[in-house]
Amino acid sequence: MMINKRVYLALSAVFVCCFLVISAKAEVIGKVSTTFKMIGANDKIVIEAFDDPDIPGATCYVSRAKTGGISGALGVAEDKSDASLACRQTGPIRLTDRIIQGREDGRRVFKKSTSLLFKKLQVVRFYDRKRNVLVYLSYSDKLVEGSPKNSISTIVIRPWIGDKGIVTPKVGHK
């Protein structure tokens, strides 16, 4: 019986650590309550921001549903698959050769757990070389069955006017 308790505690610690690591990628910008719950937290819409880990100057904002109630307060509720995505250029953008050549297309740049174990919201990035545009796609997936609900946002890469004058982006078209 003691071994089972130790295994349970170890697995619980691993799940908590994984959840905290995943959650640390985004910064909560704000939230609004959408449904009042007598017991437990209210249902909410949460707005989070994250920077593309490979492209400084590219920031995305995600709004997503967060389930409340007792199960939500305990962290065992499954959030809805609905999410909205908006990405913007927030500084000078310089693309790596791998991104320009399309070898990073479909790379996951954000992941957020939306249930205790198997469901997650993901954002992947593509580069449209012909139009010099970064394209971000958000979608929800599950171990067994994903959701067709998705959203896209684009960043047209432009020169950046900052403290040091105009910074011309490194881009893939000529």
N, C-alpha and C. Protein backbone atom coordinates (compact mmCIF):
# COMPACT_ATOMS: atom_id res chain seq x y z
N MET A 1 0.82 -1.19 0.00
CA MET A 1 0.00 0.00 0.00
C MET A 1 0.87 1.26 0.00
N MET A 2 2.00 1.22 0.70
CA MET A 2 2.89 2.38 0.78
C MET A 2 3.51 2.68 -0.59
N ILE A 3 3.85 1.65 -1.35
CA ILE A 3 4.44 1.86 -2.68
C ILE A 3 3.44 2.54 -3.59
N ASN A 4 2.19 2.12 -3.56
CA ASN A 4 1.17 2.74 -4.40
C ASN A 4 1.00 4.21 -4.07
N LYS A 5 1.06 4.56 -2.81
CA LYS A 5 0.94 5.96 -2.41
C LYS A 5 2.12 6.78 -2.92
N ARG A 6 3.31 6.22 -2.85
CA ARG A 6 4.50 6.92 -3.35
C ARG A 6 4.43 7.11 -4.86
N VAL A 7 4.00 6.09 -5.58
CA VAL A 7 3.86 6.19 -7.04
C VAL A 7 2.82 7.26 -7.37
N TYR A 8 1.71 7.24 -6.66
CA TYR A 8 0.66 8.23 -6.88
C TYR A 8 1.18 9.65 -6.64
N LEU A 9 1.91 9.86 -5.56
CA LEU A 9 2.46 11.18 -5.26
C LEU A 9 3.48 11.61 -6.31
N ALA A 10 4.31 10.69 -6.75
CA ALA A 10 5.31 11.01 -7.77
C ALA A 10 4.64 11.40 -9.09
N LEU A 11 3.65 10.63 -9.50
CA LEU A 11 2.93 10.95 -10.74
C LEU A 11 2.19 12.27 -10.63
N SER A 12 1.61 12.52 -9.47
CA SER A 12 0.92 13.80 -9.26
C SER A 12 1.90 14.96 -9.38
N ALA A 13 3.07 14.82 -8.81
CA ALA A 13 4.09 15.87 -8.89
C ALA A 13 4.52 16.10 -10.33
N VAL A 14 4.68 15.03 -11.10
CA VAL A 14 5.06 15.15 -12.51
C VAL A 14 3.98 15.90 -13.28
N PHE A 15 2.70 15.55 -13.08
CA PHE A 15 1.61 16.23 -13.78
C PHE A 15 1.55 17.71 -13.41
N VAL A 16 1.73 18.03 -12.14
CA VAL A 16 1.71 19.42 -11.71
C VAL A 16 2.86 20.19 -12.34
N CYS A 17 4.05 19.62 -12.36
CA CYS A 17 5.21 20.28 -12.97
C CYS A 17 4.99 20.50 -14.46
N CYS A 18 4.46 19.49 -15.14
CA CYS A 18 4.19 19.63 -16.58
C CYS A 18 3.17 20.74 -16.82
N PHE A 19 2.13 20.79 -16.01
CA PHE A 19 1.12 21.83 -16.15
C PHE A 19 1.72 23.21 -15.93
N LEU A 20 2.56 23.36 -14.92
CA LEU A 20 3.17 24.65 -14.63
C LEU A 20 4.11 25.08 -15.75
N VAL A 21 4.87 24.15 -16.32
CA VAL A 21 5.77 24.49 -17.42
C VAL A 21 4.99 24.95 -18.62
N ILE A 22 3.92 24.24 -18.96
CA ILE A 22 3.09 24.62 -20.10
C ILE A 22 2.45 25.97 -19.87
N SER A 23 1.96 26.23 -18.68
CA SER A 23 1.28 27.48 -18.38
C SER A 23 2.24 28.66 -18.37
N ALA A 24 3.50 28.43 -18.11
CA ALA A 24 4.46 29.53 -17.99
C ALA A 24 4.78 30.18 -19.32
N LYS A 25 4.38 29.59 -20.43
CA LYS A 25 4.70 30.15 -21.74
C LYS A 25 3.89 31.38 -22.08
N ALA A 26 2.73 31.57 -21.47
CA ALA A 26 1.86 32.69 -21.81
C ALA A 26 1.69 33.62 -20.61
N GLU A 27 1.46 34.88 -20.92
CA GLU A 27 1.22 35.89 -19.90
C GLU A 27 -0.27 36.23 -19.93
N VAL A 28 -0.95 36.14 -18.80
CA VAL A 28 -2.37 36.48 -18.75
C VAL A 28 -2.50 38.00 -18.83
N ILE A 29 -3.24 38.46 -19.83
CA ILE A 29 -3.47 39.89 -20.04
C ILE A 29 -4.74 40.33 -19.31
N GLY A 30 -5.75 39.46 -19.30
CA GLY A 30 -7.00 39.79 -18.63
C GLY A 30 -7.98 38.64 -18.72
N LYS A 31 -9.09 38.75 -18.00
CA LYS A 31 -10.14 37.74 -18.05
C LYS A 31 -11.45 38.36 -17.65
N VAL A 32 -12.55 37.79 -18.18
CA VAL A 32 -13.89 38.23 -17.83
C VAL A 32 -14.72 37.01 -17.49
N SER A 33 -15.61 37.16 -16.52
CA SER A 33 -16.53 36.08 -16.15
C SER A 33 -17.67 36.05 -17.15
N THR A 34 -18.07 34.84 -17.54
CA THR A 34 -19.18 34.70 -18.48
C THR A 34 -20.38 34.01 -17.87
N THR A 35 -20.17 33.22 -16.83
CA THR A 35 -21.26 32.50 -16.17
C THR A 35 -21.02 32.52 -14.68
N PHE A 36 -22.03 32.86 -13.92
CA PHE A 36 -21.93 32.87 -12.47
C PHE A 36 -22.13 31.45 -11.95
N LYS A 37 -21.27 31.01 -11.06
CA LYS A 37 -21.39 29.70 -10.41
C LYS A 37 -21.55 29.93 -8.91
N MET A 38 -22.55 29.28 -8.32
CA MET A 38 -22.77 29.41 -6.87
C MET A 38 -21.61 28.81 -6.09
N ILE A 39 -21.11 27.67 -6.58
CA ILE A 39 -20.02 26.99 -5.90
C ILE A 39 -18.86 26.87 -6.89
N GLY A 40 -17.70 27.31 -6.49
CA GLY A 40 -16.53 27.22 -7.36
C GLY A 40 -16.36 28.48 -8.19
N ALA A 41 -15.34 28.47 -9.01
CA ALA A 41 -15.02 29.62 -9.85
C ALA A 41 -16.03 29.78 -10.98
N ASN A 42 -16.21 31.01 -11.45
CA ASN A 42 -17.07 31.28 -12.60
C ASN A 42 -16.40 30.80 -13.88
N ASP A 43 -17.22 30.51 -14.91
CA ASP A 43 -16.66 30.29 -16.25
C ASP A 43 -16.08 31.62 -16.71
N LYS A 44 -14.99 31.57 -17.47
CA LYS A 44 -14.31 32.79 -17.88
C LYS A 44 -13.86 32.72 -19.33
N ILE A 45 -13.57 33.88 -19.88
CA ILE A 45 -12.78 33.99 -21.10
C ILE A 45 -11.46 34.61 -20.67
N VAL A 46 -10.37 33.95 -20.99
CA VAL A 46 -9.03 34.38 -20.60
C VAL A 46 -8.29 34.88 -21.83
N ILE A 47 -7.62 36.01 -21.70
CA ILE A 47 -6.79 36.54 -22.78
C ILE A 47 -5.34 36.39 -22.35
N GLU A 48 -4.55 35.71 -23.20
CA GLU A 48 -3.13 35.48 -22.91
C GLU A 48 -2.28 35.96 -24.08
N ALA A 49 -1.08 36.39 -23.80
CA ALA A 49 -0.13 36.81 -24.83
C ALA A 49 1.09 35.91 -24.75
N PHE A 50 1.64 35.58 -25.91
CA PHE A 50 2.91 34.87 -25.94
C PHE A 50 3.73 35.37 -27.12
N ASP A 51 5.04 35.37 -26.95
CA ASP A 51 5.96 35.76 -28.02
C ASP A 51 6.40 34.51 -28.74
N ASP A 52 6.52 34.62 -30.06
CA ASP A 52 7.04 33.50 -30.84
C ASP A 52 8.45 33.21 -30.34
N PRO A 53 8.73 31.98 -29.90
CA PRO A 53 10.04 31.68 -29.32
C PRO A 53 11.20 31.79 -30.31
N ASP A 54 10.91 31.73 -31.61
CA ASP A 54 11.97 31.78 -32.62
C ASP A 54 12.07 33.12 -33.34
N ILE A 55 11.05 33.96 -33.18
CA ILE A 55 11.02 35.21 -33.94
C ILE A 55 10.74 36.38 -32.99
N PRO A 56 11.80 37.01 -32.47
CA PRO A 56 11.57 38.21 -31.65
C PRO A 56 10.82 39.24 -32.49
N GLY A 57 9.89 39.94 -31.86
CA GLY A 57 9.11 40.94 -32.57
C GLY A 57 7.77 40.40 -33.07
N ALA A 58 7.48 39.12 -32.84
CA ALA A 58 6.19 38.53 -33.22
C ALA A 58 5.48 38.09 -31.94
N THR A 59 4.32 38.68 -31.68
CA THR A 59 3.54 38.38 -30.48
C THR A 59 2.13 37.98 -30.87
N CYS A 60 1.60 36.95 -30.22
CA CYS A 60 0.23 36.51 -30.46
C CYS A 60 -0.59 36.61 -29.19
N TYR A 61 -1.86 36.88 -29.38
CA TYR A 61 -2.83 36.96 -28.29
C TYR A 61 -3.89 35.90 -28.53
N VAL A 62 -4.19 35.12 -27.50
CA VAL A 62 -5.18 34.05 -27.58
C VAL A 62 -6.27 34.34 -26.55
N SER A 63 -7.53 34.28 -26.99
CA SER A 63 -8.63 34.31 -26.02
C SER A 63 -9.25 32.92 -26.06
N ARG A 64 -9.53 32.38 -24.87
CA ARG A 64 -10.05 31.02 -24.79
C ARG A 64 -10.98 30.89 -23.60
N ALA A 65 -11.86 29.91 -23.71
CA ALA A 65 -12.81 29.63 -22.63
C ALA A 65 -12.12 28.86 -21.52
N LYS A 66 -12.46 29.18 -20.29
CA LYS A 66 -11.94 28.46 -19.13
C LYS A 66 -13.14 28.07 -18.27
N THR A 67 -13.31 26.76 -18.08
CA THR A 67 -14.45 26.23 -17.34
C THR A 67 -14.28 26.46 -15.85
N GLY A 68 -15.37 26.90 -15.20
CA GLY A 68 -15.35 27.14 -13.76
C GLY A 68 -15.99 26.01 -13.00
N GLY A 69 -16.72 26.37 -11.96
CA GLY A 69 -17.37 25.37 -11.11
C GLY A 69 -16.36 24.67 -10.22
N ILE A 70 -16.82 23.65 -9.56
CA ILE A 70 -15.94 22.89 -8.66
C ILE A 70 -14.85 22.19 -9.45
N SER A 71 -15.23 21.56 -10.57
CA SER A 71 -14.22 20.83 -11.36
C SER A 71 -13.18 21.80 -11.95
N GLY A 72 -13.62 23.00 -12.34
CA GLY A 72 -12.67 24.00 -12.83
C GLY A 72 -11.73 24.48 -11.76
N ALA A 73 -12.26 24.69 -10.56
CA ALA A 73 -11.44 25.15 -9.43
C ALA A 73 -10.41 24.09 -9.04
N LEU A 74 -10.78 22.81 -9.19
CA LEU A 74 -9.86 21.73 -8.87
C LEU A 74 -8.90 21.39 -10.01
N GLY A 75 -9.13 21.99 -11.18
CA GLY A 75 -8.25 21.74 -12.32
C GLY A 75 -8.54 20.46 -13.08
N VAL A 76 -9.74 19.90 -12.91
CA VAL A 76 -10.06 18.65 -13.60
C VAL A 76 -11.11 18.85 -14.70
N ALA A 77 -11.59 20.08 -14.90
CA ALA A 77 -12.59 20.35 -15.94
C ALA A 77 -11.94 20.36 -17.31
N GLU A 78 -12.73 20.04 -18.33
CA GLU A 78 -12.25 20.12 -19.70
C GLU A 78 -12.78 21.41 -20.30
N ASP A 79 -11.88 22.30 -20.72
CA ASP A 79 -12.29 23.56 -21.33
C ASP A 79 -12.79 23.33 -22.74
N LYS A 80 -13.66 24.24 -23.20
CA LYS A 80 -14.19 24.15 -24.56
C LYS A 80 -13.07 24.40 -25.57
N SER A 81 -13.29 23.97 -26.80
CA SER A 81 -12.27 24.10 -27.84
C SER A 81 -12.26 25.47 -28.50
N ASP A 82 -13.21 26.33 -28.16
CA ASP A 82 -13.29 27.65 -28.77
C ASP A 82 -12.10 28.51 -28.37
N ALA A 83 -11.47 29.13 -29.36
CA ALA A 83 -10.37 30.06 -29.11
C ALA A 83 -10.26 31.03 -30.27
N SER A 84 -9.76 32.20 -30.00
CA SER A 84 -9.53 33.20 -31.02
C SER A 84 -8.06 33.61 -30.96
N LEU A 85 -7.50 33.98 -32.09
CA LEU A 85 -6.07 34.26 -32.19
C LEU A 85 -5.85 35.56 -32.95
N ALA A 86 -4.97 36.41 -32.44
CA ALA A 86 -4.56 37.63 -33.14
C ALA A 86 -3.06 37.81 -32.93
N CYS A 87 -2.31 37.92 -34.02
CA CYS A 87 -0.85 38.06 -33.94
C CYS A 87 -0.43 39.39 -34.56
N ARG A 88 0.58 40.02 -33.98
CA ARG A 88 1.03 41.33 -34.43
C ARG A 88 2.55 41.42 -34.40
N GLN A 89 3.08 42.30 -35.25
CA GLN A 89 4.50 42.62 -35.20
C GLN A 89 4.69 43.64 -34.09
N THR A 90 5.52 43.31 -33.10
CA THR A 90 5.73 44.19 -31.95
C THR A 90 7.17 44.69 -31.86
N GLY A 91 7.95 44.43 -32.88
CA GLY A 91 9.35 44.84 -32.92
C GLY A 91 9.95 44.42 -34.24
N PRO A 92 11.25 44.69 -34.43
CA PRO A 92 11.89 44.27 -35.68
C PRO A 92 11.90 42.74 -35.79
N ILE A 93 11.63 42.24 -36.99
CA ILE A 93 11.59 40.79 -37.22
C ILE A 93 12.73 40.41 -38.16
N ARG A 94 13.47 39.42 -37.72
CA ARG A 94 14.53 38.82 -38.55
C ARG A 94 14.27 37.33 -38.57
N LEU A 95 14.07 36.79 -39.77
CA LEU A 95 13.78 35.37 -39.92
C LEU A 95 15.07 34.58 -40.10
N THR A 96 15.09 33.39 -39.52
CA THR A 96 16.24 32.50 -39.72
C THR A 96 16.15 31.88 -41.10
N ASP A 97 17.27 31.36 -41.58
CA ASP A 97 17.27 30.69 -42.89
C ASP A 97 16.33 29.49 -42.89
N ARG A 98 16.23 28.77 -41.78
CA ARG A 98 15.34 27.61 -41.71
C ARG A 98 13.88 28.02 -41.90
N ILE A 99 13.49 29.15 -41.33
CA ILE A 99 12.12 29.64 -41.49
C ILE A 99 11.90 30.09 -42.93
N ILE A 100 12.84 30.85 -43.48
CA ILE A 100 12.73 31.34 -44.86
C ILE A 100 12.61 30.18 -45.85
N GLN A 101 13.36 29.11 -45.62
CA GLN A 101 13.35 27.95 -46.52
C GLN A 101 12.15 27.03 -46.31
N GLY A 102 11.31 27.33 -45.32
CA GLY A 102 10.12 26.52 -45.08
C GLY A 102 10.36 25.29 -44.23
N ARG A 103 11.56 25.13 -43.70
CA ARG A 103 11.86 23.94 -42.90
C ARG A 103 11.26 24.00 -41.50
N GLU A 104 10.72 25.15 -41.11
CA GLU A 104 10.08 25.30 -39.80
C GLU A 104 8.56 25.41 -39.92
N ASP A 105 8.02 25.23 -41.15
CA ASP A 105 6.57 25.32 -41.34
C ASP A 105 5.86 24.27 -40.49
N GLY A 106 4.82 24.69 -39.80
CA GLY A 106 4.06 23.79 -38.94
C GLY A 106 4.66 23.62 -37.55
N ARG A 107 5.70 24.37 -37.24
CA ARG A 107 6.33 24.26 -35.92
C ARG A 107 5.40 24.81 -34.84
N ARG A 108 5.25 24.05 -33.76
CA ARG A 108 4.42 24.49 -32.63
C ARG A 108 5.15 25.59 -31.88
N VAL A 109 4.47 26.72 -31.70
CA VAL A 109 5.05 27.85 -30.98
C VAL A 109 4.34 28.11 -29.66
N PHE A 110 3.22 27.41 -29.43
CA PHE A 110 2.47 27.58 -28.18
C PHE A 110 1.63 26.33 -27.93
N LYS A 111 1.57 25.93 -26.66
CA LYS A 111 0.72 24.80 -26.26
C LYS A 111 0.18 25.08 -24.88
N LYS A 112 -1.12 24.87 -24.71
CA LYS A 112 -1.77 25.09 -23.41
C LYS A 112 -2.68 23.91 -23.13
N SER A 113 -2.50 23.29 -21.99
CA SER A 113 -3.35 22.17 -21.59
C SER A 113 -4.74 22.72 -21.28
N THR A 114 -5.77 22.07 -21.85
CA THR A 114 -7.15 22.51 -21.60
C THR A 114 -7.99 21.43 -20.93
N SER A 115 -7.33 20.37 -20.49
CA SER A 115 -7.97 19.36 -19.64
C SER A 115 -6.88 18.75 -18.78
N LEU A 116 -7.28 17.94 -17.83
CA LEU A 116 -6.32 17.37 -16.89
C LEU A 116 -5.23 16.58 -17.60
N LEU A 117 -5.58 15.80 -18.62
CA LEU A 117 -4.57 14.93 -19.22
C LEU A 117 -4.36 15.10 -20.72
N PHE A 118 -5.41 15.03 -21.53
CA PHE A 118 -5.18 14.75 -22.94
C PHE A 118 -5.56 15.84 -23.94
N LYS A 119 -6.21 16.90 -23.55
CA LYS A 119 -6.66 17.90 -24.51
C LYS A 119 -5.78 19.14 -24.39
N LYS A 120 -5.43 19.71 -25.55
CA LYS A 120 -4.60 20.91 -25.51
C LYS A 120 -4.92 21.85 -26.67
N LEU A 121 -4.70 23.12 -26.43
CA LEU A 121 -4.81 24.16 -27.45
C LEU A 121 -3.40 24.39 -27.97
N GLN A 122 -3.25 24.38 -29.29
CA GLN A 122 -1.92 24.56 -29.87
C GLN A 122 -1.95 25.67 -30.92
N VAL A 123 -0.80 26.33 -31.09
CA VAL A 123 -0.62 27.30 -32.16
C VAL A 123 0.63 26.88 -32.92
N VAL A 124 0.49 26.77 -34.25
CA VAL A 124 1.62 26.42 -35.11
C VAL A 124 1.85 27.57 -36.09
N ARG A 125 3.08 27.65 -36.60
CA ARG A 125 3.46 28.77 -37.46
C ARG A 125 3.89 28.28 -38.85
N PHE A 126 3.53 29.06 -39.86
CA PHE A 126 3.97 28.83 -41.24
C PHE A 126 4.51 30.15 -41.79
N TYR A 127 5.36 30.06 -42.80
CA TYR A 127 5.87 31.27 -43.45
C TYR A 127 5.47 31.23 -44.92
N ASP A 128 4.73 32.24 -45.36
CA ASP A 128 4.33 32.40 -46.77
C ASP A 128 5.39 33.27 -47.43
N ARG A 129 6.34 32.61 -48.07
CA ARG A 129 7.49 33.31 -48.65
C ARG A 129 7.09 34.27 -49.76
N LYS A 130 6.14 33.85 -50.58
CA LYS A 130 5.72 34.68 -51.71
C LYS A 130 5.18 36.04 -51.25
N ARG A 131 4.44 36.06 -50.16
CA ARG A 131 3.80 37.27 -49.67
C ARG A 131 4.52 37.90 -48.47
N ASN A 132 5.59 37.25 -48.01
CA ASN A 132 6.37 37.71 -46.87
C ASN A 132 5.49 37.88 -45.62
N VAL A 133 4.76 36.80 -45.29
CA VAL A 133 3.79 36.82 -44.21
C VAL A 133 4.00 35.60 -43.31
N LEU A 134 3.96 35.83 -42.00
CA LEU A 134 3.90 34.74 -41.04
C LEU A 134 2.44 34.40 -40.80
N VAL A 135 2.10 33.12 -40.82
CA VAL A 135 0.73 32.67 -40.63
C VAL A 135 0.71 31.77 -39.39
N TYR A 136 -0.17 32.10 -38.45
CA TYR A 136 -0.31 31.33 -37.22
C TYR A 136 -1.68 30.67 -37.21
N LEU A 137 -1.73 29.38 -36.89
CA LEU A 137 -2.97 28.60 -36.84
C LEU A 137 -3.16 28.06 -35.43
N SER A 138 -4.34 28.33 -34.84
CA SER A 138 -4.65 27.74 -33.53
C SER A 138 -5.69 26.65 -33.73
N TYR A 139 -5.55 25.57 -32.98
CA TYR A 139 -6.51 24.47 -33.02
C TYR A 139 -6.43 23.70 -31.72
N SER A 140 -7.46 22.90 -31.49
CA SER A 140 -7.53 22.09 -30.28
C SER A 140 -7.42 20.63 -30.68
N ASP A 141 -6.66 19.87 -29.92
CA ASP A 141 -6.59 18.44 -30.21
C ASP A 141 -6.72 17.63 -28.93
N LYS A 142 -7.07 16.40 -29.13
CA LYS A 142 -7.28 15.46 -28.04
C LYS A 142 -6.57 14.18 -28.43
N LEU A 143 -6.24 13.35 -27.45
CA LEU A 143 -5.55 12.10 -27.72
C LEU A 143 -6.33 11.24 -28.72
N VAL A 144 -7.64 11.18 -28.56
CA VAL A 144 -8.45 10.32 -29.41
C VAL A 144 -9.03 11.09 -30.60
N GLU A 145 -9.55 12.29 -30.35
CA GLU A 145 -10.24 13.03 -31.40
C GLU A 145 -10.01 14.52 -31.23
N GLY A 146 -9.55 15.17 -32.29
CA GLY A 146 -9.33 16.60 -32.23
C GLY A 146 -10.60 17.35 -32.56
N SER A 147 -10.50 18.66 -32.64
CA SER A 147 -11.65 19.50 -32.97
C SER A 147 -11.35 20.25 -34.26
N PRO A 148 -12.36 20.37 -35.15
CA PRO A 148 -12.14 21.15 -36.36
C PRO A 148 -12.15 22.66 -36.10
N LYS A 149 -12.45 23.08 -34.87
CA LYS A 149 -12.48 24.50 -34.56
C LYS A 149 -11.05 25.03 -34.62
N ASN A 150 -10.87 26.11 -35.39
CA ASN A 150 -9.54 26.67 -35.56
C ASN A 150 -9.65 28.15 -35.83
N SER A 151 -8.53 28.81 -35.79
CA SER A 151 -8.46 30.24 -36.06
C SER A 151 -7.07 30.54 -36.63
N ILE A 152 -6.99 31.52 -37.54
CA ILE A 152 -5.68 31.92 -38.03
C ILE A 152 -5.48 33.41 -37.85
N SER A 153 -4.23 33.80 -37.83
CA SER A 153 -3.85 35.20 -37.81
C SER A 153 -2.54 35.32 -38.58
N THR A 154 -2.33 36.49 -39.16
CA THR A 154 -1.13 36.69 -39.97
C THR A 154 -0.38 37.93 -39.50
N ILE A 155 0.92 37.92 -39.78
CA ILE A 155 1.76 39.09 -39.56
C ILE A 155 2.46 39.39 -40.88
N VAL A 156 2.12 40.51 -41.48
CA VAL A 156 2.84 40.97 -42.67
C VAL A 156 4.14 41.58 -42.15
N ILE A 157 5.26 41.06 -42.62
CA ILE A 157 6.55 41.54 -42.11
C ILE A 157 6.92 42.84 -42.80
N ARG A 158 7.10 43.87 -42.00
CA ARG A 158 7.39 45.21 -42.51
C ARG A 158 8.63 45.78 -41.81
N PRO A 159 9.26 46.78 -42.42
CA PRO A 159 10.36 47.45 -41.71
C PRO A 159 9.84 48.03 -40.40
N TRP A 160 10.70 48.03 -39.39
CA TRP A 160 10.31 48.50 -38.06
C TRP A 160 10.99 49.81 -37.76
N ILE A 161 10.20 50.80 -37.38
CA ILE A 161 10.76 52.10 -37.02
C ILE A 161 10.83 52.14 -35.49
N GLY A 162 12.05 52.17 -34.98
CA GLY A 162 12.24 52.17 -33.54
C GLY A 162 13.23 53.23 -33.13
N ASP A 163 13.83 53.03 -31.97
CA ASP A 163 14.79 53.99 -31.43
C ASP A 163 16.02 54.14 -32.33
N LYS A 164 16.35 53.10 -33.07
CA LYS A 164 17.56 53.13 -33.89
C LYS A 164 17.25 53.38 -35.36
N GLY A 165 16.09 53.98 -35.64
CA GLY A 165 15.70 54.24 -37.02
C GLY A 165 14.98 53.05 -37.62
N ILE A 166 15.01 52.95 -38.95
CA ILE A 166 14.30 51.87 -39.64
C ILE A 166 15.15 50.61 -39.65
N VAL A 167 14.55 49.51 -39.23
CA VAL A 167 15.20 48.21 -39.28
C VAL A 167 14.53 47.42 -40.39
N THR A 168 15.28 47.09 -41.42
CA THR A 168 14.74 46.34 -42.55
C THR A 168 14.75 44.86 -42.21
N PRO A 169 13.61 44.19 -42.35
CA PRO A 169 13.56 42.77 -41.99
C PRO A 169 14.34 41.88 -42.96
N LYS A 170 14.87 40.79 -42.43
CA LYS A 170 15.48 39.77 -43.28
C LYS A 170 14.33 38.90 -43.75
N VAL A 171 14.08 38.87 -45.04
CA VAL A 171 12.92 38.14 -45.57
C VAL A 171 13.34 37.17 -46.67
N GLY A 172 12.39 36.38 -47.10
CA GLY A 172 12.68 35.31 -48.05
C GLY A 172 12.41 35.61 -49.51
N HIS A 173 11.82 36.73 -49.87
CA HIS A 173 11.58 36.99 -51.28
C HIS A 173 12.48 38.13 -51.77
N LYS A 174 12.64 38.20 -53.06
CA LYS A 174 13.53 39.22 -53.64
C LYS A 174 12.78 40.15 -54.55
